[in-house]
């Protein structure tokens, strides 16, 4: 499985916002996250970093 977990970064804190993320799409100043179950979540912000080996996506709210 190659899905990732998405986190919001706030300083040194990381909050898990979605697991099993399959798709990240830019949309209206943010990103739409879609997981393998079809659940969707919109995050207004930017990509902070990606850890592909660890399957993690870090986003920062704007």
PDB file of N, CA and C in Angstrom:
ATOM      1  N   UNK A   1       0.848  -1.174   0.000  1.00  0.00           N
ATOM      2  CA  UNK A   1       0.000   0.000   0.000  1.00  0.00           C
ATOM      3  C   UNK A   1       0.899   1.245   0.000  1.00  0.00           C
ATOM      4  N   UNK A   2       0.516   2.221  -0.795  1.00  0.00           N
ATOM      5  CA  UNK A   2       1.320   3.429  -0.916  1.00  0.00           C
ATOM      6  C   UNK A   2       0.588   4.675  -0.452  1.00  0.00           C
ATOM      7  N   UNK A   3      -0.468   4.508   0.290  1.00  0.00           N
ATOM      8  CA  UNK A   3      -1.201   5.666   0.760  1.00  0.00           C
ATOM      9  C   UNK A   3      -0.392   6.383   1.831  1.00  0.00           C
ATOM     10  N   UNK A   4      -0.756   7.643   2.060  1.00  0.00           N
ATOM     11  CA  UNK A   4      -0.056   8.462   3.041  1.00  0.00           C
ATOM     12  C   UNK A   4      -1.028   8.963   4.102  1.00  0.00           C
ATOM     13  N   UNK A   5      -0.457   9.450   5.181  1.00  0.00           N
ATOM     14  CA  UNK A   5      -1.231  10.131   6.208  1.00  0.00           C
ATOM     15  C   UNK A   5      -0.950  11.617   6.065  1.00  0.00           C
ATOM     16  N   UNK A   6      -1.981  12.454   6.234  1.00  0.00           N
ATOM     17  CA  UNK A   6      -1.840  13.898   6.101  1.00  0.00           C
ATOM     18  C   UNK A   6      -1.911  14.549   7.481  1.00  0.00           C
ATOM     19  N   UNK A   7      -1.021  15.508   7.691  1.00  0.00           N
ATOM     20  CA  UNK A   7      -0.913  16.202   8.964  1.00  0.00           C
ATOM     21  C   UNK A   7      -0.946  17.709   8.737  1.00  0.00           C
ATOM     22  N   UNK A   8      -1.483  18.441   9.729  1.00  0.00           N
ATOM     23  CA  UNK A   8      -1.380  19.895   9.763  1.00  0.00           C
ATOM     24  C   UNK A   8      -0.213  20.224  10.692  1.00  0.00           C
ATOM     25  N   UNK A   9       0.694  21.074  10.226  1.00  0.00           N
ATOM     26  CA  UNK A   9       1.849  21.484  11.015  1.00  0.00           C
ATOM     27  C   UNK A   9       1.562  22.851  11.617  1.00  0.00           C
ATOM     28  N   UNK A  10       1.757  22.963  12.941  1.00  0.00           N
ATOM     29  CA  UNK A  10       1.599  24.233  13.652  1.00  0.00           C
ATOM     30  C   UNK A  10       2.769  24.348  14.614  1.00  0.00           C
ATOM     31  N   UNK A  11       3.817  25.040  14.177  1.00  0.00           N
ATOM     32  CA  UNK A  11       5.038  25.107  14.977  1.00  0.00           C
ATOM     33  C   UNK A  11       5.683  23.736  15.042  1.00  0.00           C
ATOM     34  N   UNK A  12       5.868  23.226  16.266  1.00  0.00           N
ATOM     35  CA  UNK A  12       6.445  21.895  16.449  1.00  0.00           C
ATOM     36  C   UNK A  12       5.380  20.809  16.527  1.00  0.00           C
ATOM     37  N   UNK A  13       4.102  21.201  16.495  1.00  0.00           N
ATOM     38  CA  UNK A  13       3.001  20.236  16.604  1.00  0.00           C
ATOM     39  C   UNK A  13       2.561  19.747  15.238  1.00  0.00           C
ATOM     40  N   UNK A  14       2.171  18.470  15.188  1.00  0.00           N
ATOM     41  CA  UNK A  14       1.636  17.861  13.978  1.00  0.00           C
ATOM     42  C   UNK A  14       0.332  17.168  14.343  1.00  0.00           C
ATOM     43  N   UNK A  15      -0.751  17.563  13.676  1.00  0.00           N
ATOM     44  CA  UNK A  15      -2.064  16.978  13.949  1.00  0.00           C
ATOM     45  C   UNK A  15      -2.502  16.139  12.751  1.00  0.00           C
ATOM     46  N   UNK A  16      -2.783  14.875  12.988  1.00  0.00           N
ATOM     47  CA  UNK A  16      -3.260  13.990  11.928  1.00  0.00           C
ATOM     48  C   UNK A  16      -4.650  14.435  11.489  1.00  0.00           C
ATOM     49  N   UNK A  17      -4.825  14.652  10.184  1.00  0.00           N
ATOM     50  CA  UNK A  17      -6.147  15.068   9.698  1.00  0.00           C
ATOM     51  C   UNK A  17      -6.797  14.029   8.789  1.00  0.00           C
ATOM     52  N   UNK A  18      -5.998  13.138   8.185  1.00  0.00           N
ATOM     53  CA  UNK A  18      -6.588  12.090   7.355  1.00  0.00           C
ATOM     54  C   UNK A  18      -5.579  10.973   7.132  1.00  0.00           C
ATOM     55  N   UNK A  19      -6.067   9.743   7.199  1.00  0.00           N
ATOM     56  CA  UNK A  19      -5.242   8.576   6.917  1.00  0.00           C
ATOM     57  C   UNK A  19      -5.608   8.006   5.553  1.00  0.00           C
ATOM     58  N   UNK A  20      -4.740   7.189   5.013  1.00  0.00           N
ATOM     59  CA  UNK A  20      -4.962   6.481   3.748  1.00  0.00           C
ATOM     60  C   UNK A  20      -5.240   7.435   2.588  1.00  0.00           C
ATOM     61  N   UNK A  21      -4.523   8.573   2.568  1.00  0.00           N
ATOM     62  CA  UNK A  21      -4.690   9.560   1.495  1.00  0.00           C
ATOM     63  C   UNK A  21      -4.125   8.980   0.204  1.00  0.00           C
ATOM     64  N   UNK A  22      -4.942   9.024  -0.831  1.00  0.00           N
ATOM     65  CA  UNK A  22      -4.567   8.489  -2.133  1.00  0.00           C
ATOM     66  C   UNK A  22      -4.326   9.598  -3.148  1.00  0.00           C
ATOM     67  N   UNK A  23      -4.990  10.756  -2.937  1.00  0.00           N
ATOM     68  CA  UNK A  23      -4.909  11.828  -3.916  1.00  0.00           C
ATOM     69  C   UNK A  23      -4.894  13.183  -3.218  1.00  0.00           C
ATOM     70  N   UNK A  24      -4.021  14.082  -3.710  1.00  0.00           N
ATOM     71  CA  UNK A  24      -3.947  15.462  -3.232  1.00  0.00           C
ATOM     72  C   UNK A  24      -4.085  16.346  -4.457  1.00  0.00           C
ATOM     73  N   UNK A  25      -5.149  17.172  -4.486  1.00  0.00           N
ATOM     74  CA  UNK A  25      -5.421  18.008  -5.652  1.00  0.00           C
ATOM     75  C   UNK A  25      -5.478  19.474  -5.244  1.00  0.00           C
ATOM     76  N   UNK A  26      -4.760  20.371  -5.965  1.00  0.00           N
ATOM     77  CA  UNK A  26      -4.857  21.801  -5.663  1.00  0.00           C
ATOM     78  C   UNK A  26      -6.256  22.309  -5.993  1.00  0.00           C
ATOM     79  N   UNK A  27      -6.789  23.159  -5.103  1.00  0.00           N
ATOM     80  CA  UNK A  27      -8.131  23.670  -5.315  1.00  0.00           C
ATOM     81  C   UNK A  27      -8.352  24.929  -4.482  1.00  0.00           C
ATOM     82  N   UNK A  28      -8.675  26.045  -5.121  1.00  0.00           N
ATOM     83  CA  UNK A  28      -9.086  27.291  -4.458  1.00  0.00           C
ATOM     84  C   UNK A  28      -8.179  27.709  -3.303  1.00  0.00           C
ATOM     85  N   UNK A  29      -6.870  27.797  -3.526  1.00  0.00           N
ATOM     86  CA  UNK A  29      -5.957  28.259  -2.487  1.00  0.00           C
ATOM     87  C   UNK A  29      -5.657  27.229  -1.419  1.00  0.00           C
ATOM     88  N   UNK A  30      -5.953  25.990  -1.704  1.00  0.00           N
ATOM     89  CA  UNK A  30      -5.692  24.924  -0.741  1.00  0.00           C
ATOM     90  C   UNK A  30      -5.576  23.596  -1.460  1.00  0.00           C
ATOM     91  N   UNK A  31      -5.873  22.538  -0.734  1.00  0.00           N
ATOM     92  CA  UNK A  31      -5.765  21.198  -1.305  1.00  0.00           C
ATOM     93  C   UNK A  31      -6.938  20.328  -0.896  1.00  0.00           C
ATOM     94  N   UNK A  32      -7.448  19.569  -1.856  1.00  0.00           N
ATOM     95  CA  UNK A  32      -8.476  18.575  -1.574  1.00  0.00           C
ATOM     96  C   UNK A  32      -7.771  17.244  -1.392  1.00  0.00           C
ATOM     97  N   UNK A  33      -7.992  16.631  -0.228  1.00  0.00           N
ATOM     98  CA  UNK A  33      -7.430  15.323   0.076  1.00  0.00           C
ATOM     99  C   UNK A  33      -8.518  14.282  -0.117  1.00  0.00           C
ATOM    100  N   UNK A  34      -8.185  13.190  -0.779  1.00  0.00           N
ATOM    101  CA  UNK A  34      -9.137  12.105  -1.001  1.00  0.00           C
ATOM    102  C   UNK A  34      -8.463  10.814  -0.566  1.00  0.00           C
ATOM    103  N   UNK A  35      -9.151  10.053   0.304  1.00  0.00           N
ATOM    104  CA  UNK A  35      -8.537   8.803   0.752  1.00  0.00           C
ATOM    105  C   UNK A  35      -9.085   7.613  -0.037  1.00  0.00           C
ATOM    106  N   UNK A  36      -8.584   6.431   0.269  1.00  0.00           N
ATOM    107  CA  UNK A  36      -8.951   5.242  -0.493  1.00  0.00           C
ATOM    108  C   UNK A  36     -10.409   4.834  -0.295  1.00  0.00           C
ATOM    109  N   UNK A  37     -11.076   5.423   0.694  1.00  0.00           N
ATOM    110  CA  UNK A  37     -12.487   5.127   0.952  1.00  0.00           C
ATOM    111  C   UNK A  37     -13.409   6.147   0.289  1.00  0.00           C
ATOM    112  N   UNK A  38     -12.828   7.121  -0.435  1.00  0.00           N
ATOM    113  CA  UNK A  38     -13.615   8.142  -1.110  1.00  0.00           C
ATOM    114  C   UNK A  38     -13.941   9.345  -0.242  1.00  0.00           C
ATOM    115  N   UNK A  39     -13.494   9.344   1.014  1.00  0.00           N
ATOM    116  CA  UNK A  39     -13.723  10.501   1.882  1.00  0.00           C
ATOM    117  C   UNK A  39     -12.867  11.658   1.390  1.00  0.00           C
ATOM    118  N   UNK A  40     -13.421  12.879   1.504  1.00  0.00           N
ATOM    119  CA  UNK A  40     -12.713  14.062   1.025  1.00  0.00           C
ATOM    120  C   UNK A  40     -12.619  15.096   2.138  1.00  0.00           C
ATOM    121  N   UNK A  41     -11.527  15.848   2.115  1.00  0.00           N
ATOM    122  CA  UNK A  41     -11.337  16.925   3.081  1.00  0.00           C
ATOM    123  C   UNK A  41     -10.594  18.039   2.359  1.00  0.00           C
ATOM    124  N   UNK A  42     -11.006  19.285   2.614  1.00  0.00           N
ATOM    125  CA  UNK A  42     -10.339  20.440   2.023  1.00  0.00           C
ATOM    126  C   UNK A  42      -9.525  21.138   3.097  1.00  0.00           C
ATOM    127  N   UNK A  43      -8.282  21.462   2.768  1.00  0.00           N
ATOM    128  CA  UNK A  43      -7.410  22.198   3.676  1.00  0.00           C
ATOM    129  C   UNK A  43      -6.933  23.445   2.961  1.00  0.00           C
ATOM    130  N   UNK A  44      -7.255  24.611   3.523  1.00  0.00           N
ATOM    131  CA  UNK A  44      -6.773  25.866   2.950  1.00  0.00           C
ATOM    132  C   UNK A  44      -5.374  26.108   3.488  1.00  0.00           C
ATOM    133  N   UNK A  45      -4.389  26.072   2.607  1.00  0.00           N
ATOM    134  CA  UNK A  45      -3.021  26.262   3.037  1.00  0.00           C
ATOM    135  C   UNK A  45      -2.035  25.823   1.974  1.00  0.00           C
ATOM    136  N   UNK A  46      -0.842  25.505   2.439  1.00  0.00           N
ATOM    137  CA  UNK A  46       0.241  25.135   1.531  1.00  0.00           C
ATOM    138  C   UNK A  46       0.862  23.803   1.970  1.00  0.00           C
ATOM    139  N   UNK A  47       1.559  23.192   1.041  1.00  0.00           N
ATOM    140  CA  UNK A  47       2.310  21.993   1.387  1.00  0.00           C
ATOM    141  C   UNK A  47       3.575  22.441   2.112  1.00  0.00           C
ATOM    142  N   UNK A  48       3.764  21.948   3.310  1.00  0.00           N
ATOM    143  CA  UNK A  48       4.945  22.271   4.117  1.00  0.00           C
ATOM    144  C   UNK A  48       6.096  21.356   3.722  1.00  0.00           C
ATOM    145  N   UNK A  49       5.828  20.040   3.682  1.00  0.00           N
ATOM    146  CA  UNK A  49       6.837  19.076   3.260  1.00  0.00           C
ATOM    147  C   UNK A  49       6.186  17.723   3.000  1.00  0.00           C
ATOM    148  N   UNK A  50       6.940  16.851   2.347  1.00  0.00           N
ATOM    149  CA  UNK A  50       6.500  15.489   2.077  1.00  0.00           C
ATOM    150  C   UNK A  50       7.597  14.537   2.566  1.00  0.00           C
ATOM    151  N   UNK A  51       7.182  13.460   3.190  1.00  0.00           N
ATOM    152  CA  UNK A  51       8.115  12.403   3.564  1.00  0.00           C
ATOM    153  C   UNK A  51       7.641  11.142   2.855  1.00  0.00           C
ATOM    154  N   UNK A  52       8.155  10.910   1.678  1.00  0.00           N
ATOM    155  CA  UNK A  52       7.664   9.823   0.838  1.00  0.00           C
ATOM    156  C   UNK A  52       8.004   8.452   1.403  1.00  0.00           C
ATOM    157  N   UNK A  53       9.165   8.314   2.005  1.00  0.00           N
ATOM    158  CA  UNK A  53       9.550   7.031   2.594  1.00  0.00           C
ATOM    159  C   UNK A  53       8.630   6.676   3.763  1.00  0.00           C
ATOM    160  N   UNK A  54       8.258   7.705   4.544  1.00  0.00           N
ATOM    161  CA  UNK A  54       7.384   7.492   5.705  1.00  0.00           C
ATOM    162  C   UNK A  54       5.899   7.614   5.360  1.00  0.00           C
ATOM    163  N   UNK A  55       5.579   7.929   4.107  1.00  0.00           N
ATOM    164  CA  UNK A  55       4.197   8.074   3.642  1.00  0.00           C
ATOM    165  C   UNK A  55       3.454   9.150   4.428  1.00  0.00           C
ATOM    166  N   UNK A  56       4.071  10.334   4.541  1.00  0.00           N
ATOM    167  CA  UNK A  56       3.465  11.446   5.279  1.00  0.00           C
ATOM    168  C   UNK A  56       3.429  12.702   4.428  1.00  0.00           C
ATOM    169  N   UNK A  57       2.318  13.442   4.536  1.00  0.00           N
ATOM    170  CA  UNK A  57       2.119  14.719   3.876  1.00  0.00           C
ATOM    171  C   UNK A  57       1.929  15.750   4.973  1.00  0.00           C
ATOM    172  N   UNK A  58       2.726  16.816   4.939  1.00  0.00           N
ATOM    173  CA  UNK A  58       2.621  17.860   5.954  1.00  0.00           C
ATOM    174  C   UNK A  58       2.114  19.139   5.296  1.00  0.00           C
ATOM    175  N   UNK A  59       0.993  19.642   5.781  1.00  0.00           N
ATOM    176  CA  UNK A  59       0.378  20.858   5.260  1.00  0.00           C
ATOM    177  C   UNK A  59       0.410  21.943   6.339  1.00  0.00           C
ATOM    178  N   UNK A  60       0.462  23.191   5.898  1.00  0.00           N
ATOM    179  CA  UNK A  60       0.463  24.319   6.815  1.00  0.00           C
ATOM    180  C   UNK A  60      -0.699  25.222   6.458  1.00  0.00           C
ATOM    181  N   UNK A  61      -1.575  25.506   7.425  1.00  0.00           N
ATOM    182  CA  UNK A  61      -2.719  26.382   7.165  1.00  0.00           C
ATOM    183  C   UNK A  61      -2.245  27.788   6.879  1.00  0.00           C
ATOM    184  N   UNK A  62      -2.978  28.460   5.975  1.00  0.00           N
ATOM    185  CA  UNK A  62      -2.618  29.852   5.661  1.00  0.00           C
ATOM    186  C   UNK A  62      -3.601  30.797   6.309  1.00  0.00           C
TER     187      UNK A  62
END
